[in-house]
C-alpha atoms as a PDB file:
ATOM      1  CA  MET A   1       0.000   0.000   0.000  1.00  0.00           C
ATOM      2  CA  ILE A   2       0.960   3.646  -0.371  1.00  0.00           C
ATOM      3  CA  PRO A   3       1.264   5.788   2.777  1.00  0.00           C
ATOM      4  CA  ALA A   4      -0.952   8.821   3.241  1.00  0.00           C
ATOM      5  CA  ALA A   5       0.664  12.100   2.221  1.00  0.00           C
ATOM      6  CA  PHE A   6       2.942  13.803   4.735  1.00  0.00           C
ATOM      7  CA  ASP A   7       5.520  16.579   4.950  1.00  0.00           C
ATOM      8  CA  TYR A   8       9.123  15.415   5.246  1.00  0.00           C
ATOM      9  CA  VAL A   9      11.689  17.183   7.437  1.00  0.00           C
ATOM     10  CA  ARG A  10      15.357  16.177   7.650  1.00  0.00           C
ATOM     11  CA  PRO A  11      17.105  18.101  10.460  1.00  0.00           C
ATOM     12  CA  SER A  12      20.890  18.138  10.842  1.00  0.00           C
ATOM     13  CA  THR A  13      20.960  18.695  14.623  1.00  0.00           C
ATOM     14  CA  VAL A  14      19.023  17.473  17.639  1.00  0.00           C
ATOM     15  CA  ASP A  15      17.763  21.004  18.317  1.00  0.00           C
ATOM     16  CA  GLU A  16      16.370  21.239  14.789  1.00  0.00           C
ATOM     17  CA  ALA A  17      14.617  17.889  15.251  1.00  0.00           C
ATOM     18  CA  ILE A  18      13.032  19.012  18.514  1.00  0.00           C
ATOM     19  CA  GLN A  19      11.868  22.251  16.916  1.00  0.00           C
ATOM     20  CA  ALA A  20      10.288  20.363  14.013  1.00  0.00           C
ATOM     21  CA  LEU A  21       8.451  18.031  16.388  1.00  0.00           C
ATOM     22  CA  ALA A  22       7.256  20.915  18.540  1.00  0.00           C
ATOM     23  CA  GLU A  23       5.883  22.749  15.513  1.00  0.00           C
ATOM     24  CA  ALA A  24       4.110  19.643  14.188  1.00  0.00           C
ATOM     25  CA  GLY A  25       2.533  18.668  17.512  1.00  0.00           C
ATOM     26  CA  ASP A  26       0.970  15.229  18.004  1.00  0.00           C
ATOM     27  CA  ASP A  27       0.721  14.620  14.250  1.00  0.00           C
ATOM     28  CA  ALA A  28       4.467  14.025  13.794  1.00  0.00           C
ATOM     29  CA  LYS A  29       6.450  10.794  13.691  1.00  0.00           C
ATOM     30  CA  VAL A  30      10.204  10.340  14.074  1.00  0.00           C
ATOM     31  CA  LEU A  31      11.940   8.296  11.367  1.00  0.00           C
ATOM     32  CA  ALA A  32      15.093   6.523  12.527  1.00  0.00           C
ATOM     33  CA  GLY A  33      15.994   3.331  10.649  1.00  0.00           C
ATOM     34  CA  GLY A  34      12.430   3.026   9.378  1.00  0.00           C
ATOM     35  CA  GLN A  35      12.148  -0.731   9.917  1.00  0.00           C
ATOM     36  CA  SER A  36       9.109  -0.331  12.177  1.00  0.00           C
ATOM     37  CA  LEU A  37       7.630   2.953  10.965  1.00  0.00           C
ATOM     38  CA  LEU A  38       7.560   2.344   7.209  1.00  0.00           C
ATOM     39  CA  PRO A  39       5.426  -0.837   7.367  1.00  0.00           C
ATOM     40  CA  VAL A  40       3.003   0.957   9.695  1.00  0.00           C
ATOM     41  CA  LEU A  41       2.766   3.884   7.264  1.00  0.00           C
ATOM     42  CA  LYS A  42       2.230   1.582   4.284  1.00  0.00           C
ATOM     43  CA  MET A  43      -0.604  -0.239   6.066  1.00  0.00           C
ATOM     44  CA  ARG A  44      -1.993   3.172   7.093  1.00  0.00           C
ATOM     45  CA  LEU A  45      -2.042   2.179  10.725  1.00  0.00           C
ATOM     46  CA  ALA A  46      -0.515   5.616  11.242  1.00  0.00           C
ATOM     47  CA  ALA A  47      -1.010   8.736   9.145  1.00  0.00           C
ATOM     48  CA  PRO A  48       1.258  11.504  10.442  1.00  0.00           C
ATOM     49  CA  THR A  49       1.180  14.888   8.773  1.00  0.00           C
ATOM     50  CA  VAL A  50       4.926  15.316   9.332  1.00  0.00           C
ATOM     51  CA  VAL A  51       7.768  12.786   9.347  1.00  0.00           C
ATOM     52  CA  VAL A  52      10.999  13.987  10.978  1.00  0.00           C
ATOM     53  CA  ASP A  53      13.995  12.015   9.664  1.00  0.00           C
ATOM     54  CA  ILE A  54      16.820  12.033  12.249  1.00  0.00           C
ATOM     55  CA  GLY A  55      19.108   9.830  10.186  1.00  0.00           C
ATOM     56  CA  ARG A  56      21.527  12.625   9.239  1.00  0.00           C
ATOM     57  CA  ILE A  57      22.362  13.838  12.765  1.00  0.00           C
ATOM     58  CA  PRO A  58      26.010  12.849  13.474  1.00  0.00           C
ATOM     59  CA  GLU A  59      25.660  13.204  17.259  1.00  0.00           C
ATOM     60  CA  LEU A  60      23.243  10.266  17.374  1.00  0.00           C
ATOM     61  CA  ARG A  61      25.677   7.632  16.110  1.00  0.00           C
ATOM     62  CA  GLY A  62      28.435   5.571  17.669  1.00  0.00           C
ATOM     63  CA  VAL A  63      29.498   3.820  20.878  1.00  0.00           C
ATOM     64  CA  ARG A  64      31.814   5.378  23.426  1.00  0.00           C
ATOM     65  CA  GLU A  65      32.939   5.004  27.029  1.00  0.00           C
ATOM     66  CA  GLU A  66      32.129   7.565  29.694  1.00  0.00           C
ATOM     67  CA  GLY A  67      33.620   6.429  33.007  1.00  0.00           C
ATOM     68  CA  GLU A  68      31.716   3.366  34.211  1.00  0.00           C
ATOM     69  CA  ASP A  69      29.138   3.593  31.413  1.00  0.00           C
ATOM     70  CA  LEU A  70      28.855   2.786  27.755  1.00  0.00           C
ATOM     71  CA  VAL A  71      26.992   5.399  25.755  1.00  0.00           C
ATOM     72  CA  ILE A  72      25.286   4.175  22.591  1.00  0.00           C
ATOM     73  CA  GLY A  73      23.900   6.736  20.179  1.00  0.00           C
ATOM     74  CA  ALA A  74      20.258   6.207  19.335  1.00  0.00           C
ATOM     75  CA  MET A  75      20.939   6.019  15.574  1.00  0.00           C
ATOM     76  CA  THR A  76      23.632   3.347  15.911  1.00  0.00           C
ATOM     77  CA  THR A  77      22.487   0.382  13.825  1.00  0.00           C
ATOM     78  CA  HIS A  78      21.940  -3.104  15.186  1.00  0.00           C
ATOM     79  CA  TYR A  79      24.786  -4.292  12.977  1.00  0.00           C
ATOM     80  CA  GLU A  80      27.150  -1.761  14.537  1.00  0.00           C
ATOM     81  CA  VAL A  81      26.079  -2.579  18.098  1.00  0.00           C
ATOM     82  CA  ALA A  82      26.441  -6.334  17.588  1.00  0.00           C
ATOM     83  CA  ARG A  83      29.995  -5.930  16.284  1.00  0.00           C
ATOM     84  CA  ASP A  84      31.285  -3.163  18.512  1.00  0.00           C
ATOM     85  CA  HIS A  85      34.243  -4.263  20.653  1.00  0.00           C
ATOM     86  CA  LEU A  86      33.201  -2.069  23.585  1.00  0.00           C
ATOM     87  CA  VAL A  87      29.735  -3.626  23.652  1.00  0.00           C
ATOM     88  CA  ALA A  88      31.237  -7.116  23.434  1.00  0.00           C
ATOM     89  CA  GLU A  89      33.575  -6.396  26.338  1.00  0.00           C
ATOM     90  CA  HIS A  90      31.308  -4.430  28.665  1.00  0.00           C
ATOM     91  CA  ALA A  91      27.738  -5.449  27.754  1.00  0.00           C
ATOM     92  CA  SER A  92      27.955  -8.889  26.186  1.00  0.00           C
ATOM     93  CA  LEU A  93      24.258  -9.621  26.835  1.00  0.00           C
ATOM     94  CA  LEU A  94      23.334  -6.720  24.570  1.00  0.00           C
ATOM     95  CA  ALA A  95      25.660  -7.940  21.833  1.00  0.00           C
ATOM     96  CA  ARG A  96      24.159 -11.444  22.001  1.00  0.00           C
ATOM     97  CA  ALA A  97      20.576 -10.177  21.894  1.00  0.00           C
ATOM     98  CA  THR A  98      21.247  -7.782  19.019  1.00  0.00           C
ATOM     99  CA  GLU A  99      22.576 -10.633  16.889  1.00  0.00           C
ATOM    100  CA  THR A 100      19.103 -12.224  17.001  1.00  0.00           C
ATOM    101  CA  VAL A 101      17.180  -9.166  15.770  1.00  0.00           C
ATOM    102  CA  ALA A 102      15.240  -9.879  12.576  1.00  0.00           C
ATOM    103  CA  ASP A 103      17.583 -10.557   9.626  1.00  0.00           C
ATOM    104  CA  PRO A 104      20.808  -9.044   8.210  1.00  0.00           C
ATOM    105  CA  GLN A 105      18.958  -6.501   6.077  1.00  0.00           C
ATOM    106  CA  VAL A 106      17.020  -5.154   9.057  1.00  0.00           C
ATOM    107  CA  ARG A 107      20.092  -5.165  11.296  1.00  0.00           C
ATOM    108  CA  HIS A 108      21.955  -3.006   8.786  1.00  0.00           C
ATOM    109  CA  ARG A 109      19.151  -0.409   8.655  1.00  0.00           C
ATOM    110  CA  GLY A 110      17.362  -0.680  11.979  1.00  0.00           C
ATOM    111  CA  THR A 111      18.636   1.344  14.917  1.00  0.00           C
ATOM    112  CA  PHE A 112      19.213   0.625  18.586  1.00  0.00           C
ATOM    113  CA  GLY A 113      17.337   3.701  19.769  1.00  0.00           C
ATOM    114  CA  GLY A 114      14.514   3.196  17.305  1.00  0.00           C
ATOM    115  CA  ALA A 115      13.862  -0.316  18.601  1.00  0.00           C
ATOM    116  CA  LEU A 116      13.744   0.907  22.200  1.00  0.00           C
ATOM    117  CA  ALA A 117      11.498   3.883  21.412  1.00  0.00           C
ATOM    118  CA  HIS A 118       9.130   1.595  19.471  1.00  0.00           C
ATOM    119  CA  ALA A 119       8.561  -0.292  22.754  1.00  0.00           C
ATOM    120  CA  ASP A 120       7.392  -3.537  21.149  1.00  0.00           C
ATOM    121  CA  PRO A 121       7.084  -6.075  24.009  1.00  0.00           C
ATOM    122  CA  ALA A 122       8.260  -8.789  21.597  1.00  0.00           C
ATOM    123  CA  GLY A 123      11.349  -6.760  20.630  1.00  0.00           C
ATOM    124  CA  ASP A 124      14.645  -8.368  21.555  1.00  0.00           C
ATOM    125  CA  LEU A 125      16.478  -5.352  22.973  1.00  0.00           C
ATOM    126  CA  LEU A 126      14.055  -4.089  25.620  1.00  0.00           C
ATOM    127  CA  ALA A 127      14.549  -6.846  28.201  1.00  0.00           C
ATOM    128  CA  PRO A 128      18.377  -6.824  27.946  1.00  0.00           C
ATOM    129  CA  ALA A 129      18.366  -3.036  28.319  1.00  0.00           C
ATOM    130  CA  LEU A 130      16.195  -3.403  31.411  1.00  0.00           C
ATOM    131  CA  ALA A 131      18.350  -6.180  32.866  1.00  0.00           C
ATOM    132  CA  LEU A 132      21.527  -4.169  32.368  1.00  0.00           C
ATOM    133  CA  GLY A 133      20.107  -1.081  34.057  1.00  0.00           C
ATOM    134  CA  ALA A 134      20.125   1.093  30.938  1.00  0.00           C
ATOM    135  CA  VAL A 135      19.233   4.774  31.201  1.00  0.00           C
ATOM    136  CA  MET A 136      17.665   6.601  28.251  1.00  0.00           C
ATOM    137  CA  VAL A 137      18.929  10.101  27.447  1.00  0.00           C
ATOM    138  CA  VAL A 138      15.998  12.113  26.097  1.00  0.00           C
ATOM    139  CA  ALA A 139      16.107  15.584  24.560  1.00  0.00           C
ATOM    140  CA  GLY A 140      13.153  17.966  24.378  1.00  0.00           C
ATOM    141  CA  PRO A 141      12.262  21.673  24.411  1.00  0.00           C
ATOM    142  CA  SER A 142      13.113  21.899  28.131  1.00  0.00           C
ATOM    143  CA  GLY A 143      16.533  20.310  27.732  1.00  0.00           C
ATOM    144  CA  ARG A 144      17.755  16.807  28.376  1.00  0.00           C
ATOM    145  CA  ARG A 145      16.599  14.284  30.952  1.00  0.00           C
ATOM    146  CA  GLU A 146      17.532  10.718  31.842  1.00  0.00           C
ATOM    147  CA  VAL A 147      14.906   7.999  32.181  1.00  0.00           C
ATOM    148  CA  PRO A 148      15.757   4.558  33.649  1.00  0.00           C
ATOM    149  CA  ALA A 149      14.641   1.631  31.495  1.00  0.00           C
ATOM    150  CA  ALA A 150      12.249   0.521  34.254  1.00  0.00           C
ATOM    151  CA  GLU A 151      10.349   3.794  33.756  1.00  0.00           C
ATOM    152  CA  PHE A 152      10.859   4.249  30.011  1.00  0.00           C
ATOM    153  CA  PHE A 153       8.676   1.336  28.866  1.00  0.00           C
ATOM    154  CA  VAL A 154       5.112   2.254  29.809  1.00  0.00           C
ATOM    155  CA  ASP A 155       2.807  -0.161  27.949  1.00  0.00           C
ATOM    156  CA  TYR A 156       2.360  -1.928  24.611  1.00  0.00           C
ATOM    157  CA  PHE A 157       4.204   0.157  22.000  1.00  0.00           C
ATOM    158  CA  THR A 158       4.245   3.056  24.465  1.00  0.00           C
ATOM    159  CA  SER A 159       7.328   4.711  25.919  1.00  0.00           C
ATOM    160  CA  ALA A 160       7.879   7.688  28.215  1.00  0.00           C
ATOM    161  CA  LEU A 161       8.857   9.879  25.248  1.00  0.00           C
ATOM    162  CA  ALA A 162       6.685  12.958  24.819  1.00  0.00           C
ATOM    163  CA  ALA A 163       5.550  13.953  21.324  1.00  0.00           C
ATOM    164  CA  ASP A 164       8.209  16.674  21.140  1.00  0.00           C
ATOM    165  CA  GLU A 165      11.098  14.595  22.510  1.00  0.00           C
ATOM    166  CA  VAL A 166      13.824  12.513  20.873  1.00  0.00           C
ATOM    167  CA  LEU A 167      15.789   9.613  22.309  1.00  0.00           C
ATOM    168  CA  VAL A 168      19.389  10.659  21.691  1.00  0.00           C
ATOM    169  CA  ALA A 169      21.468   8.034  23.510  1.00  0.00           C
ATOM    170  CA  VAL A 170      21.402   5.131  25.943  1.00  0.00           C
ATOM    171  CA  ARG A 171      23.739   4.849  28.921  1.00  0.00           C
ATOM    172  CA  ILE A 172      24.537   1.285  30.001  1.00  0.00           C
ATOM    173  CA  PRO A 173      26.555   0.523  33.159  1.00  0.00           C
ATOM    174  CA  LYS A 174      29.534  -1.639  32.308  1.00  0.00           C
ATOM    175  CA  HIS A 175      29.124  -5.344  33.053  1.00  0.00           C
ATOM    176  CA  THR A 176      32.718  -6.241  32.298  1.00  0.00           C
ATOM    177  CA  GLY A 177      33.504  -9.913  32.824  1.00  0.00           C
ATOM    178  CA  TRP A 178      29.878 -10.948  33.372  1.00  0.00           C
ATOM    179  CA  LEU A 179      28.674 -14.195  31.818  1.00  0.00           C
ATOM    180  CA  SER A 180      25.669 -13.818  29.552  1.00  0.00           C
ATOM    181  CA  HIS A 181      23.318 -15.466  27.101  1.00  0.00           C
ATOM    182  CA  TYR A 182      20.135 -14.574  25.218  1.00  0.00           C
ATOM    183  CA  GLU A 183      17.704 -17.365  24.396  1.00  0.00           C
ATOM    184  CA  LYS A 184      14.553 -16.860  22.307  1.00  0.00           C
ATOM    185  CA  PHE A 185      11.711 -18.900  20.856  1.00  0.00           C
ATOM    186  CA  ASN A 186      10.041 -17.673  17.687  1.00  0.00           C
ATOM    187  CA  ARG A 187       8.354 -18.810  14.509  1.00  0.00           C
ATOM    188  CA  VAL A 188      10.855 -19.516  11.768  1.00  0.00           C
ATOM    189  CA  ALA A 189       9.201 -17.033   9.397  1.00  0.00           C
ATOM    190  CA  GLN A 190       9.143 -14.286  12.016  1.00  0.00           C
ATOM    191  CA  ALA A 191      11.923 -13.065  14.277  1.00  0.00           C
ATOM    192  CA  TRP A 192       9.629 -11.555  16.907  1.00  0.00           C
ATOM    193  CA  SER A 193      10.002 -13.415  20.160  1.00  0.00           C
ATOM    194  CA  ILE A 194       7.089 -15.458  21.439  1.00  0.00           C
ATOM    195  CA  VAL A 195       9.169 -15.516  24.628  1.00  0.00           C
ATOM    196  CA  ALA A 196      12.838 -14.751  25.182  1.00  0.00           C
ATOM    197  CA  VAL A 197      15.169 -14.351  28.133  1.00  0.00           C
ATOM    198  CA  GLY A 198      18.443 -12.515  28.609  1.00  0.00           C
ATOM    199  CA  VAL A 199      20.735 -13.364  31.506  1.00  0.00           C
ATOM    200  CA  SER A 200      23.877 -11.663  32.758  1.00  0.00           C
ATOM    201  CA  LEU A 201      25.754 -13.201  35.687  1.00  0.00           C
ATOM    202  CA  SER A 202      28.688 -12.056  37.789  1.00  0.00           C
ATOM    203  CA  VAL A 203      30.424 -15.212  39.007  1.00  0.00           C
ATOM    204  CA  SER A 204      33.370 -15.169  41.419  1.00  0.00           C
ATOM    205  CA  GLY A 205      35.068 -18.312  42.693  1.00  0.00           C
ATOM    206  CA  GLY A 206      32.209 -20.445  41.417  1.00  0.00           C
ATOM    207  CA  THR A 207      29.595 -18.416  43.307  1.00  0.00           C
ATOM    208  CA  ILE A 208      27.014 -16.168  41.654  1.00  0.00           C
ATOM    209  CA  ALA A 209      27.690 -12.720  43.072  1.00  0.00           C
ATOM    210  CA  ASP A 210      25.029 -10.898  41.075  1.00  0.00           C
ATOM    211  CA  ALA A 211      22.392 -11.805  38.509  1.00  0.00           C
ATOM    212  CA  ARG A 212      20.306  -9.869  36.018  1.00  0.00           C
ATOM    213  CA  VAL A 213      17.518 -11.676  34.153  1.00  0.00           C
ATOM    214  CA  GLY A 214      15.208  -9.914  31.682  1.00  0.00           C
ATOM    215  CA  LEU A 215      12.147 -11.450  30.043  1.00  0.00           C
ATOM    216  CA  THR A 216      10.866 -10.548  26.582  1.00  0.00           C
ATOM    217  CA  ASN A 217       7.127 -10.672  25.778  1.00  0.00           C
ATOM    218  CA  MET A 218       6.004 -11.876  29.201  1.00  0.00           C
ATOM    219  CA  ALA A 219       4.021  -8.676  29.848  1.00  0.00           C
ATOM    220  CA  SER A 220       3.100  -5.470  28.071  1.00  0.00           C
ATOM    221  CA  VAL A 221       6.610  -4.214  28.911  1.00  0.00           C
ATOM    222  CA  PRO A 222       9.930  -6.015  29.480  1.00  0.00           C
ATOM    223  CA  VAL A 223      10.248  -7.381  33.022  1.00  0.00           C
ATOM    224  CA  ARG A 224      12.991  -8.514  35.357  1.00  0.00           C
ATOM    225  CA  ALA A 225      12.663 -12.092  36.636  1.00  0.00           C
ATOM    226  CA  ALA A 226      13.167 -11.083  40.273  1.00  0.00           C
ATOM    227  CA  GLY A 227      12.463 -14.564  41.618  1.00  0.00           C
ATOM    228  CA  VAL A 228      15.150 -16.087  39.434  1.00  0.00           C
ATOM    229  CA  GLU A 229      17.648 -13.423  40.433  1.00  0.00           C
ATOM    230  CA  GLN A 230      16.943 -13.952  44.137  1.00  0.00           C
ATOM    231  CA  ALA A 231      17.360 -17.707  43.783  1.00  0.00           C
ATOM    232  CA  LEU A 232      20.754 -17.292  42.094  1.00  0.00           C
ATOM    233  CA  ILE A 233      22.567 -14.614  44.085  1.00  0.00           C
ATOM    234  CA  GLY A 234      24.958 -16.062  46.649  1.00  0.00           C
ATOM    235  CA  GLN A 235      24.559 -19.610  45.349  1.00  0.00           C
ATOM    236  CA  PRO A 236      27.083 -21.880  43.619  1.00  0.00           C
ATOM    237  CA  ALA A 237      26.810 -21.794  39.830  1.00  0.00           C
ATOM    238  CA  GLY A 238      25.844 -25.450  39.623  1.00  0.00           C
ATOM    239  CA  ALA A 239      23.242 -27.257  37.535  1.00  0.00           C
ATOM    240  CA  ASP A 240      20.843 -27.872  40.442  1.00  0.00           C
ATOM    241  CA  VAL A 241      20.829 -24.196  41.456  1.00  0.00           C
ATOM    242  CA  LEU A 242      20.313 -23.028  37.875  1.00  0.00           C
ATOM    243  CA  ARG A 243      17.498 -25.504  37.316  1.00  0.00           C
ATOM    244  CA  ALA A 244      15.677 -24.537  40.505  1.00  0.00           C
ATOM    245  CA  ALA A 245      16.049 -20.826  39.807  1.00  0.00           C
ATOM    246  CA  ALA A 246      14.663 -21.200  36.280  1.00  0.00           C
ATOM    247  CA  GLU A 247      11.441 -22.637  37.692  1.00  0.00           C
ATOM    248  CA  ARG A 248      10.651 -19.191  39.084  1.00  0.00           C
ATOM    249  CA  ALA A 249      10.901 -17.440  35.707  1.00  0.00           C
ATOM    250  CA  ALA A 250       7.156 -16.916  35.220  1.00  0.00           C
ATOM    251  CA  GLU A 251       6.509 -15.513  38.696  1.00  0.00           C
ATOM    252  CA  ASP A 252       4.794 -12.104  38.741  1.00  0.00           C
ATOM    253  CA  THR A 253       4.455 -11.960  34.954  1.00  0.00           C
ATOM    254  CA  SER A 254       1.333 -11.314  32.874  1.00  0.00           C
ATOM    255  CA  PRO A 255       1.829 -12.824  29.409  1.00  0.00           C
ATOM    256  CA  ILE A 256      -0.847 -12.308  26.804  1.00  0.00           C
ATOM    257  CA  ALA A 257      -2.746 -15.074  25.017  1.00  0.00           C
ATOM    258  CA  ASP A 258      -2.730 -14.900  21.218  1.00  0.00           C
ATOM    259  CA  GLY A 259      -2.341 -17.095  18.171  1.00  0.00           C
ATOM    260  CA  ASN A 260       1.183 -18.040  19.231  1.00  0.00           C
ATOM    261  CA  GLY A 261       0.119 -19.477  22.579  1.00  0.00           C
ATOM    262  CA  ASP A 262      -1.776 -18.851  25.791  1.00  0.00           C
ATOM    263  CA  ALA A 263      -0.411 -17.565  29.097  1.00  0.00           C
ATOM    264  CA  ALA A 264       0.339 -21.037  30.452  1.00  0.00           C
ATOM    265  CA  TYR A 265       2.322 -21.919  27.329  1.00  0.00           C
ATOM    266  CA  ARG A 266       4.355 -18.734  27.580  1.00  0.00           C
ATOM    267  CA  GLY A 267       4.995 -19.417  31.264  1.00  0.00           C
ATOM    268  CA  GLN A 268       6.401 -22.824  30.428  1.00  0.00           C
ATOM    269  CA  LEU A 269       8.511 -21.323  27.652  1.00  0.00           C
ATOM    270  CA  ALA A 270       9.903 -18.778  30.109  1.00  0.00           C
ATOM    271  CA  ARG A 271      10.998 -21.522  32.502  1.00  0.00           C
ATOM    272  CA  VAL A 272      12.555 -23.663  29.778  1.00  0.00           C
ATOM    273  CA  LEU A 273      14.351 -20.791  28.036  1.00  0.00           C
ATOM    274  CA  THR A 274      15.625 -19.377  31.325  1.00  0.00           C
ATOM    275  CA  GLY A 275      17.103 -22.758  32.205  1.00  0.00           C
ATOM    276  CA  ARG A 276      18.819 -22.958  28.833  1.00  0.00           C
ATOM    277  CA  ALA A 277      20.126 -19.399  29.010  1.00  0.00           C
ATOM    278  CA  LEU A 278      21.537 -19.862  32.508  1.00  0.00           C
ATOM    279  CA  THR A 279      23.218 -23.124  31.571  1.00  0.00           C
ATOM    280  CA  LEU A 280      24.732 -21.695  28.385  1.00  0.00           C
ATOM    281  CA  ALA A 281      25.896 -18.529  30.154  1.00  0.00           C
ATOM    282  CA  VAL A 282      27.697 -20.452  32.876  1.00  0.00           C
ATOM    283  CA  GLY A 283      29.029 -22.964  30.372  1.00  0.00           C
ATOM    284  CA  GLY A 284      30.571 -20.178  28.299  1.00  0.00           C
END
């Protein structure tokens, strides 16, 4: 299908982008990589009067270190994130999850910030960002503010971004030396997760010192598997401990029922995938 007519704006700075959004009001959409927005426009599920293309703003690209954090520009592509040496060293869970996003064509065009702002509960990057304690850097008419991942994802396809704000970067605390794995279950023809789990473990002397476990598509927003984390911390990284902890994966979740499975099915998937992810993380 052909999208409805709209005005196209291509700013060269973040300030210009914010101004364009403010002038357009609620009828504007931000175009990043376009992998989510363009299909929606073609199906006319959205009909903005203005599309603001932020793809030519240099500030929004790249990965850098700032003290104990990694800073990833919102327009950095999935391909770039998955292959960045800083991400591999300091946020390996994110690198593993990004490798599973869609297909090579989408990973070369789609952007890290765009995926987070889209807030799809089946998206692969939301739960790892939550588990790693990511903080979103948002720019708007009143300046810049930082929003923790736990507050950024509000509901299905809904983030904390206001209509006149842009996600400019994501700060991720370094998890250097942590063991990690991302395990997902999806239809072969579709890369969206029916359920997925990302784990990041700090193991010292065979004991799990800290654990971060994020669940994909087990609620309207990504969630931490608090029960699993509690069952792991302070325990030896052995098969029995991992297996018992994984059984708590579906606690305090609210998965939807749809054509891919009901809530009970997703709960079982969460337990199975968490067990696999923990085992593979510890096993290297």
